[in-house]
PDB file of N, CA and C in Angstrom:
ATOM      1  N   MET A   1       1.515   7.199 -26.340  1.00  0.00           N
ATOM      2  CA  MET A   1       1.120   5.749 -26.510  1.00  0.00           C
ATOM      3  C   MET A   1      -0.273   5.516 -25.855  1.00  0.00           C
ATOM      4  N   VAL A   2      -0.707   6.137 -24.957  1.00  0.00           N
ATOM      5  CA  VAL A   2      -1.985   5.935 -24.285  1.00  0.00           C
ATOM      6  C   VAL A   2      -3.099   6.104 -25.311  1.00  0.00           C
ATOM      7  N   ASP A   3      -3.013   6.933 -26.414  1.00  0.00           N
ATOM      8  CA  ASP A   3      -4.085   6.994 -27.387  1.00  0.00           C
ATOM      9  C   ASP A   3      -4.485   5.776 -28.113  1.00  0.00           C
ATOM     10  N   GLN A   4      -3.724   4.678 -28.159  1.00  0.00           N
ATOM     11  CA  GLN A   4      -4.097   3.424 -28.613  1.00  0.00           C
ATOM     12  C   GLN A   4      -4.907   2.655 -27.663  1.00  0.00           C
ATOM     13  N   TYR A   5      -5.076   3.015 -26.534  1.00  0.00           N
ATOM     14  CA  TYR A   5      -5.887   2.158 -25.366  1.00  0.00           C
ATOM     15  C   TYR A   5      -6.969   2.882 -25.019  1.00  0.00           C
ATOM     16  N   VAL A   6      -7.495   3.889 -25.733  1.00  0.00           N
ATOM     17  CA  VAL A   6      -8.678   4.612 -25.270  1.00  0.00           C
ATOM     18  C   VAL A   6      -9.858   3.789 -25.081  1.00  0.00           C
ATOM     19  N   PRO A   7     -10.242   2.902 -26.038  1.00  0.00           N
ATOM     20  CA  PRO A   7     -11.443   1.946 -25.753  1.00  0.00           C
ATOM     21  C   PRO A   7     -11.346   1.187 -24.603  1.00  0.00           C
ATOM     22  N   SER A   8     -10.144   0.674 -24.322  1.00  0.00           N
ATOM     23  CA  SER A   8      -9.959  -0.381 -23.169  1.00  0.00           C
ATOM     24  C   SER A   8     -10.043   0.578 -22.012  1.00  0.00           C
ATOM     25  N   LEU A   9      -9.372   1.638 -21.938  1.00  0.00           N
ATOM     26  CA  LEU A   9      -9.276   2.425 -20.612  1.00  0.00           C
ATOM     27  C   LEU A   9     -10.578   3.013 -20.313  1.00  0.00           C
ATOM     28  N   LYS A  10     -11.466   3.333 -21.317  1.00  0.00           N
ATOM     29  CA  LYS A  10     -12.802   3.686 -21.078  1.00  0.00           C
ATOM     30  C   LYS A  10     -13.764   2.751 -20.476  1.00  0.00           C
ATOM     31  N   LYS A  11     -13.213   1.371 -20.522  1.00  0.00           N
ATOM     32  CA  LYS A  11     -14.166   0.341 -19.812  1.00  0.00           C
ATOM     33  C   LYS A  11     -13.916   0.329 -18.365  1.00  0.00           C
ATOM     34  N   TYR A  12     -12.853   0.963 -17.761  1.00  0.00           N
ATOM     35  CA  TYR A  12     -12.461   0.699 -16.425  1.00  0.00           C
ATOM     36  C   TYR A  12     -13.720   1.636 -15.661  1.00  0.00           C
ATOM     37  N   ASN A  13     -14.115   1.159 -14.528  1.00  0.00           N
ATOM     38  CA  ASN A  13     -15.060   1.871 -13.646  1.00  0.00           C
ATOM     39  C   ASN A  13     -14.405   2.939 -12.901  1.00  0.00           C
ATOM     40  N   ALA A  14     -13.108   2.781 -12.617  1.00  0.00           N
ATOM     41  CA  ALA A  14     -12.507   3.997 -11.987  1.00  0.00           C
ATOM     42  C   ALA A  14     -10.994   3.822 -12.220  1.00  0.00           C
ATOM     43  N   ILE A  15     -10.357   4.849 -12.357  1.00  0.00           N
ATOM     44  CA  ILE A  15      -8.900   5.227 -12.481  1.00  0.00           C
ATOM     45  C   ILE A  15      -8.544   6.277 -11.608  1.00  0.00           C
ATOM     46  N   ALA A  16      -7.453   5.864 -10.536  1.00  0.00           N
ATOM     47  CA  ALA A  16      -7.072   6.921  -9.736  1.00  0.00           C
ATOM     48  C   ALA A  16      -5.334   6.851  -9.847  1.00  0.00           C
ATOM     49  N   MET A  17      -4.752   8.035  -9.850  1.00  0.00           N
ATOM     50  CA  MET A  17      -3.307   8.068  -9.911  1.00  0.00           C
ATOM     51  C   MET A  17      -2.896   8.999  -8.794  1.00  0.00           C
ATOM     52  N   ASP A  18      -1.742   8.963  -8.253  1.00  0.00           N
ATOM     53  CA  ASP A  18      -1.217  10.025  -7.507  1.00  0.00           C
ATOM     54  C   ASP A  18       0.276   9.910  -7.509  1.00  0.00           C
ATOM     55  N   VAL A  19       0.886  11.166  -7.277  1.00  0.00           N
ATOM     56  CA  VAL A  19       2.478  11.171  -7.453  1.00  0.00           C
ATOM     57  C   VAL A  19       2.840  12.250  -6.229  1.00  0.00           C
ATOM     58  N   GLY A  20       4.020  12.049  -5.798  1.00  0.00           N
ATOM     59  CA  GLY A  20       4.583  12.981  -4.974  1.00  0.00           C
ATOM     60  C   GLY A  20       5.262  14.053  -5.657  1.00  0.00           C
ATOM     61  N   ASP A  21       5.229  15.378  -4.972  1.00  0.00           N
ATOM     62  CA  ASP A  21       5.639  16.447  -5.644  1.00  0.00           C
ATOM     63  C   ASP A  21       7.138  16.528  -5.805  1.00  0.00           C
ATOM     64  N   LYS A  22       7.796  15.564  -5.021  1.00  0.00           N
ATOM     65  CA  LYS A  22       9.301  15.429  -5.332  1.00  0.00           C
ATOM     66  C   LYS A  22       9.686  14.151  -6.034  1.00  0.00           C
ATOM     67  N   ASP A  23       8.661  13.392  -6.440  1.00  0.00           N
ATOM     68  CA  ASP A  23       8.965  12.171  -7.059  1.00  0.00           C
ATOM     69  C   ASP A  23       9.608  12.204  -8.503  1.00  0.00           C
ATOM     70  N   PHE A  24      10.491  11.339  -8.826  1.00  0.00           N
ATOM     71  CA  PHE A  24      11.195  11.534 -10.042  1.00  0.00           C
ATOM     72  C   PHE A  24      10.345  11.038 -11.263  1.00  0.00           C
ATOM     73  N   LEU A  25       9.183  10.535 -10.887  1.00  0.00           N
ATOM     74  CA  LEU A  25       8.179  10.157 -11.950  1.00  0.00           C
ATOM     75  C   LEU A  25       7.088  11.157 -12.151  1.00  0.00           C
ATOM     76  N   LYS A  26       7.216  12.450 -11.498  1.00  0.00           N
ATOM     77  CA  LYS A  26       6.169  13.304 -11.467  1.00  0.00           C
ATOM     78  C   LYS A  26       5.927  13.724 -12.663  1.00  0.00           C
ATOM     79  N   ASP A  27       6.749  14.297 -13.532  1.00  0.00           N
ATOM     80  CA  ASP A  27       6.464  14.863 -14.802  1.00  0.00           C
ATOM     81  C   ASP A  27       5.854  13.783 -15.728  1.00  0.00           C
ATOM     82  N   MET A  28       6.098  12.447 -15.783  1.00  0.00           N
ATOM     83  CA  MET A  28       5.607  11.548 -16.560  1.00  0.00           C
ATOM     84  C   MET A  28       3.998  11.350 -16.029  1.00  0.00           C
ATOM     85  N   ASN A  29       3.761  11.352 -14.784  1.00  0.00           N
ATOM     86  CA  ASN A  29       2.451  11.244 -14.256  1.00  0.00           C
ATOM     87  C   ASN A  29       1.596  12.465 -14.578  1.00  0.00           C
ATOM     88  N   ILE A  30       2.175  13.658 -14.559  1.00  0.00           N
ATOM     89  CA  ILE A  30       1.334  14.802 -14.919  1.00  0.00           C
ATOM     90  C   ILE A  30       0.977  14.732 -16.446  1.00  0.00           C
ATOM     91  N   ASP A  31       1.885  14.255 -17.228  1.00  0.00           N
ATOM     92  CA  ASP A  31       1.751  14.118 -18.621  1.00  0.00           C
ATOM     93  C   ASP A  31       0.461  13.171 -19.049  1.00  0.00           C
ATOM     94  N   LEU A  32       0.606  12.026 -18.271  1.00  0.00           N
ATOM     95  CA  LEU A  32      -0.487  10.953 -18.385  1.00  0.00           C
ATOM     96  C   LEU A  32      -1.642  11.543 -17.959  1.00  0.00           C
ATOM     97  N   ASP A  33      -1.871  12.330 -16.840  1.00  0.00           N
ATOM     98  CA  ASP A  33      -3.071  13.003 -16.421  1.00  0.00           C
ATOM     99  C   ASP A  33      -3.648  13.769 -17.452  1.00  0.00           C
ATOM    100  N   LYS A  34      -2.660  14.601 -18.122  1.00  0.00           N
ATOM    101  CA  LYS A  34      -3.195  15.501 -19.146  1.00  0.00           C
ATOM    102  C   LYS A  34      -3.689  14.800 -20.428  1.00  0.00           C
ATOM    103  N   ALA A  35      -3.033  13.612 -20.695  1.00  0.00           N
ATOM    104  CA  ALA A  35      -3.442  12.893 -21.905  1.00  0.00           C
ATOM    105  C   ALA A  35      -4.834  12.182 -21.650  1.00  0.00           C
ATOM    106  N   LEU A  36      -5.024  11.748 -20.397  1.00  0.00           N
ATOM    107  CA  LEU A  36      -6.214  11.006 -20.085  1.00  0.00           C
ATOM    108  C   LEU A  36      -7.425  11.991 -20.182  1.00  0.00           C
ATOM    109  N   THR A  37      -7.157  13.362 -19.546  1.00  0.00           N
ATOM    110  CA  THR A  37      -7.958  14.420 -19.531  1.00  0.00           C
ATOM    111  C   THR A  37      -8.412  14.768 -21.238  1.00  0.00           C
ATOM    112  N   ARG A  38      -7.266  14.927 -22.013  1.00  0.00           N
ATOM    113  CA  ARG A  38      -7.590  15.266 -23.425  1.00  0.00           C
ATOM    114  C   ARG A  38      -8.451  14.205 -24.056  1.00  0.00           C
ATOM    115  N   LEU A  39      -8.188  12.938 -23.724  1.00  0.00           N
ATOM    116  CA  LEU A  39      -8.914  11.912 -24.420  1.00  0.00           C
ATOM    117  C   LEU A  39     -10.289  11.472 -23.811  1.00  0.00           C
ATOM    118  N   GLY A  40     -10.651  12.239 -22.776  1.00  0.00           N
ATOM    119  CA  GLY A  40     -11.940  12.052 -22.273  1.00  0.00           C
ATOM    120  C   GLY A  40     -12.155  10.834 -21.416  1.00  0.00           C
ATOM    121  N   ILE A  41     -10.942  10.485 -20.830  1.00  0.00           N
ATOM    122  CA  ILE A  41     -10.947   9.162 -19.857  1.00  0.00           C
ATOM    123  C   ILE A  41     -11.239   9.616 -18.374  1.00  0.00           C
ATOM    124  N   ASP A  42     -12.324   9.223 -17.751  1.00  0.00           N
ATOM    125  CA  ASP A  42     -12.703   9.395 -16.545  1.00  0.00           C
ATOM    126  C   ASP A  42     -11.561   9.030 -15.617  1.00  0.00           C
ATOM    127  N   HIS A  43     -11.116   9.890 -14.657  1.00  0.00           N
ATOM    128  CA  HIS A  43      -9.925   9.392 -13.738  1.00  0.00           C
ATOM    129  C   HIS A  43      -9.767  10.425 -12.868  1.00  0.00           C
ATOM    130  N   THR A  44      -9.022  10.292 -11.626  1.00  0.00           N
ATOM    131  CA  THR A  44      -8.601  11.310 -10.642  1.00  0.00           C
ATOM    132  C   THR A  44      -7.095  11.163 -10.498  1.00  0.00           C
ATOM    133  N   PHE A  45      -6.681  12.482 -10.184  1.00  0.00           N
ATOM    134  CA  PHE A  45      -5.128  12.441 -10.261  1.00  0.00           C
ATOM    135  C   PHE A  45      -4.869  13.350  -8.913  1.00  0.00           C
ATOM    136  N   GLU A  46      -3.938  12.972  -8.110  1.00  0.00           N
ATOM    137  CA  GLU A  46      -3.734  13.804  -6.908  1.00  0.00           C
ATOM    138  C   GLU A  46      -2.092  13.974  -6.706  1.00  0.00           C
ATOM    139  N   GLU A  47      -1.674  15.002  -6.480  1.00  0.00           N
ATOM    140  CA  GLU A  47      -0.114  15.256  -6.276  1.00  0.00           C
ATOM    141  C   GLU A  47      -0.280  15.566  -4.747  1.00  0.00           C
ATOM    142  N   TYR A  48       0.664  14.701  -4.326  1.00  0.00           N
ATOM    143  CA  TYR A  48       0.900  14.867  -2.645  1.00  0.00           C
ATOM    144  C   TYR A  48       2.348  15.431  -2.225  1.00  0.00           C
ATOM    145  N   GLU A  49       2.577  15.759  -1.068  1.00  0.00           N
ATOM    146  CA  GLU A  49       3.817  16.380  -0.717  1.00  0.00           C
ATOM    147  C   GLU A  49       4.537  15.083  -0.344  1.00  0.00           C
ATOM    148  N   GLY A  50       5.683  14.776  -1.032  1.00  0.00           N
ATOM    149  CA  GLY A  50       6.522  13.793  -0.742  1.00  0.00           C
ATOM    150  C   GLY A  50       7.320  13.304  -1.968  1.00  0.00           C
ATOM    151  N   ASP A  51       7.919  12.097  -1.906  1.00  0.00           N
ATOM    152  CA  ASP A  51       8.745  11.406  -2.948  1.00  0.00           C
ATOM    153  C   ASP A  51       7.938  10.024  -3.366  1.00  0.00           C
ATOM    154  N   HIS A  52       9.003   9.318  -4.166  1.00  0.00           N
ATOM    155  CA  HIS A  52       8.289   8.012  -4.575  1.00  0.00           C
ATOM    156  C   HIS A  52       8.374   7.110  -3.346  1.00  0.00           C
ATOM    157  N   GLY A  53       9.164   7.128  -2.286  1.00  0.00           N
ATOM    158  CA  GLY A  53       9.298   6.113  -1.386  1.00  0.00           C
ATOM    159  C   GLY A  53       8.643   6.511   0.032  1.00  0.00           C
ATOM    160  N   ASN A  54       8.181   7.672   0.200  1.00  0.00           N
ATOM    161  CA  ASN A  54       7.738   8.011   1.432  1.00  0.00           C
ATOM    162  C   ASN A  54       6.306   8.046   1.530  1.00  0.00           C
ATOM    163  N   ARG A  55       5.502   8.122   2.564  1.00  0.00           N
ATOM    164  CA  ARG A  55       4.080   8.133   2.794  1.00  0.00           C
ATOM    165  C   ARG A  55       3.380   6.801   2.347  1.00  0.00           C
ATOM    166  N   VAL A  56       4.086   5.786   1.999  1.00  0.00           N
ATOM    167  CA  VAL A  56       3.475   4.694   1.443  1.00  0.00           C
ATOM    168  C   VAL A  56       2.478   4.201   2.369  1.00  0.00           C
ATOM    169  N   THR A  57       2.663   3.851   3.399  1.00  0.00           N
ATOM    170  CA  THR A  57       1.775   3.449   4.603  1.00  0.00           C
ATOM    171  C   THR A  57       0.543   4.208   4.700  1.00  0.00           C
ATOM    172  N   ALA A  58       0.689   5.673   4.833  1.00  0.00           N
ATOM    173  CA  ALA A  58      -0.461   6.381   4.842  1.00  0.00           C
ATOM    174  C   ALA A  58      -1.223   6.481   3.648  1.00  0.00           C
ATOM    175  N   ARG A  59      -0.441   6.446   2.387  1.00  0.00           N
ATOM    176  CA  ARG A  59      -1.312   6.557   1.186  1.00  0.00           C
ATOM    177  C   ARG A  59      -2.092   5.237   0.967  1.00  0.00           C
ATOM    178  N   PHE A  60      -1.537   4.183   1.382  1.00  0.00           N
ATOM    179  CA  PHE A  60      -2.366   2.739   1.199  1.00  0.00           C
ATOM    180  C   PHE A  60      -3.690   2.922   2.299  1.00  0.00           C
ATOM    181  N   GLN A  61      -3.399   3.287   3.463  1.00  0.00           N
ATOM    182  CA  GLN A  61      -4.291   3.382   4.486  1.00  0.00           C
ATOM    183  C   GLN A  61      -5.597   4.443   4.056  1.00  0.00           C
ATOM    184  N   ASP A  62      -5.005   5.594   3.733  1.00  0.00           N
ATOM    185  CA  ASP A  62      -5.987   6.818   3.484  1.00  0.00           C
ATOM    186  C   ASP A  62      -6.527   6.934   2.218  1.00  0.00           C
ATOM    187  N   ASN A  63      -5.841   6.326   1.138  1.00  0.00           N
ATOM    188  CA  ASN A  63      -6.196   6.410  -0.146  1.00  0.00           C
ATOM    189  C   ASN A  63      -6.688   5.148  -0.907  1.00  0.00           C
ATOM    190  N   LEU A  64      -5.561   4.275  -0.930  1.00  0.00           N
ATOM    191  CA  LEU A  64      -5.702   3.124  -1.774  1.00  0.00           C
ATOM    192  C   LEU A  64      -6.860   2.248  -1.352  1.00  0.00           C
ATOM    193  N   LEU A  65      -6.911   1.768  -0.137  1.00  0.00           N
ATOM    194  CA  LEU A  65      -7.777   0.924   0.415  1.00  0.00           C
ATOM    195  C   LEU A  65      -9.224   1.442   0.356  1.00  0.00           C
ATOM    196  N   PRO A  66      -9.595   2.682   0.767  1.00  0.00           N
ATOM    197  CA  PRO A  66     -10.844   3.235   0.685  1.00  0.00           C
ATOM    198  C   PRO A  66     -11.308   3.318  -0.866  1.00  0.00           C
ATOM    199  N   PHE A  67     -10.223   3.603  -1.741  1.00  0.00           N
ATOM    200  CA  PHE A  67     -10.592   3.530  -3.313  1.00  0.00           C
ATOM    201  C   PHE A  67     -10.989   2.258  -3.678  1.00  0.00           C
ATOM    202  N   PHE A  68     -10.409   1.242  -3.292  1.00  0.00           N
ATOM    203  CA  PHE A  68     -10.809  -0.249  -3.759  1.00  0.00           C
ATOM    204  C   PHE A  68     -11.982  -0.509  -3.090  1.00  0.00           C
ATOM    205  N   SER A  69     -12.205  -0.325  -1.959  1.00  0.00           N
ATOM    206  CA  SER A  69     -13.363  -0.457  -1.060  1.00  0.00           C
ATOM    207  C   SER A  69     -14.701   0.135  -1.735  1.00  0.00           C
ATOM    208  N   GLU A  70     -14.543   1.173  -2.344  1.00  0.00           N
ATOM    209  CA  GLU A  70     -15.657   1.856  -3.098  1.00  0.00           C
ATOM    210  C   GLU A  70     -15.796   1.315  -4.336  1.00  0.00           C
ATOM    211  N   GLN A  71     -14.713   1.090  -5.131  1.00  0.00           N
ATOM    212  CA  GLN A  71     -14.723   0.531  -6.487  1.00  0.00           C
ATOM    213  C   GLN A  71     -15.068  -0.937  -6.868  1.00  0.00           C
ATOM    214  N   LEU A  72     -14.395  -1.726  -5.970  1.00  0.00           N
ATOM    215  CA  LEU A  72     -14.453  -3.083  -6.403  1.00  0.00           C
ATOM    216  C   LEU A  72     -15.791  -3.840  -5.923  1.00  0.00           C
ATOM    217  N   LYS A  73     -16.393  -4.614  -6.797  1.00  0.00           N
ATOM    218  CA  LYS A  73     -17.619  -5.245  -6.396  1.00  0.00           C
ATOM    219  C   LYS A  73     -17.308  -6.669  -6.719  1.00  0.00           C
ATOM    220  N   PHE A  74     -17.615  -7.444  -5.632  1.00  0.00           N
ATOM    221  CA  PHE A  74     -17.582  -8.869  -5.769  1.00  0.00           C
ATOM    222  C   PHE A  74     -18.806  -9.560  -5.539  1.00  0.00           C
ATOM    223  N   GLN A  75     -19.020 -10.698  -6.312  1.00  0.00           N
ATOM    224  CA  GLN A  75     -20.151 -11.389  -6.205  1.00  0.00           C
ATOM    225  C   GLN A  75     -20.094 -12.273  -4.871  1.00  0.00           C
ATOM    226  N   GLU A  76     -21.214 -12.423  -4.237  1.00  0.00           N
ATOM    227  CA  GLU A  76     -21.221 -13.253  -3.048  1.00  0.00           C
ATOM    228  C   GLU A  76     -20.837 -14.711  -3.423  1.00  0.00           C
ATOM    229  N   ALA A  77     -20.085 -15.262  -2.502  1.00  0.00           N
ATOM    230  CA  ALA A  77     -19.624 -16.726  -2.817  1.00  0.00           C
ATOM    231  C   ALA A  77     -20.613 -17.597  -2.581  1.00  0.00           C
ATOM    232  N   PRO A  78     -20.892 -18.642  -3.325  1.00  0.00           N
ATOM    233  CA  PRO A  78     -21.886 -19.659  -3.193  1.00  0.00           C
ATOM    234  C   PRO A  78     -21.637 -20.491  -1.972  1.00  0.00           C
ATOM    235  N   ARG A  79     -22.810 -20.694  -1.222  1.00  0.00           N
ATOM    236  CA  ARG A  79     -22.690 -21.491  -0.095  1.00  0.00           C
ATOM    237  C   ARG A  79     -22.508 -22.978  -0.419  1.00  0.00           C
ATOM    238  N   ARG A  80     -21.688 -23.510   0.592  1.00  0.00           N
ATOM    239  CA  ARG A  80     -21.349 -24.911   0.328  1.00  0.00           C
ATOM    240  C   ARG A  80     -22.183 -25.844   1.102  1.00  0.00           C
TER     241      ARG A  80
END
């Protein structure tokens, strides 16, 4: 299904995915990583030790927040 969204996906500045090696969604995430690679969509993919519900706090702190900090750009708010 990802094939139909290639033009839109290529507009993103960054795509990052991760999945635990014991996560019930692991195989689907690996398939998505392979599809994005095949379609030439720039992204990062990481498999970490754990499952779907553990390491959430550490993943947010060590991966998600730094990723957003690097990738999101905001315009300065106008002064009132």
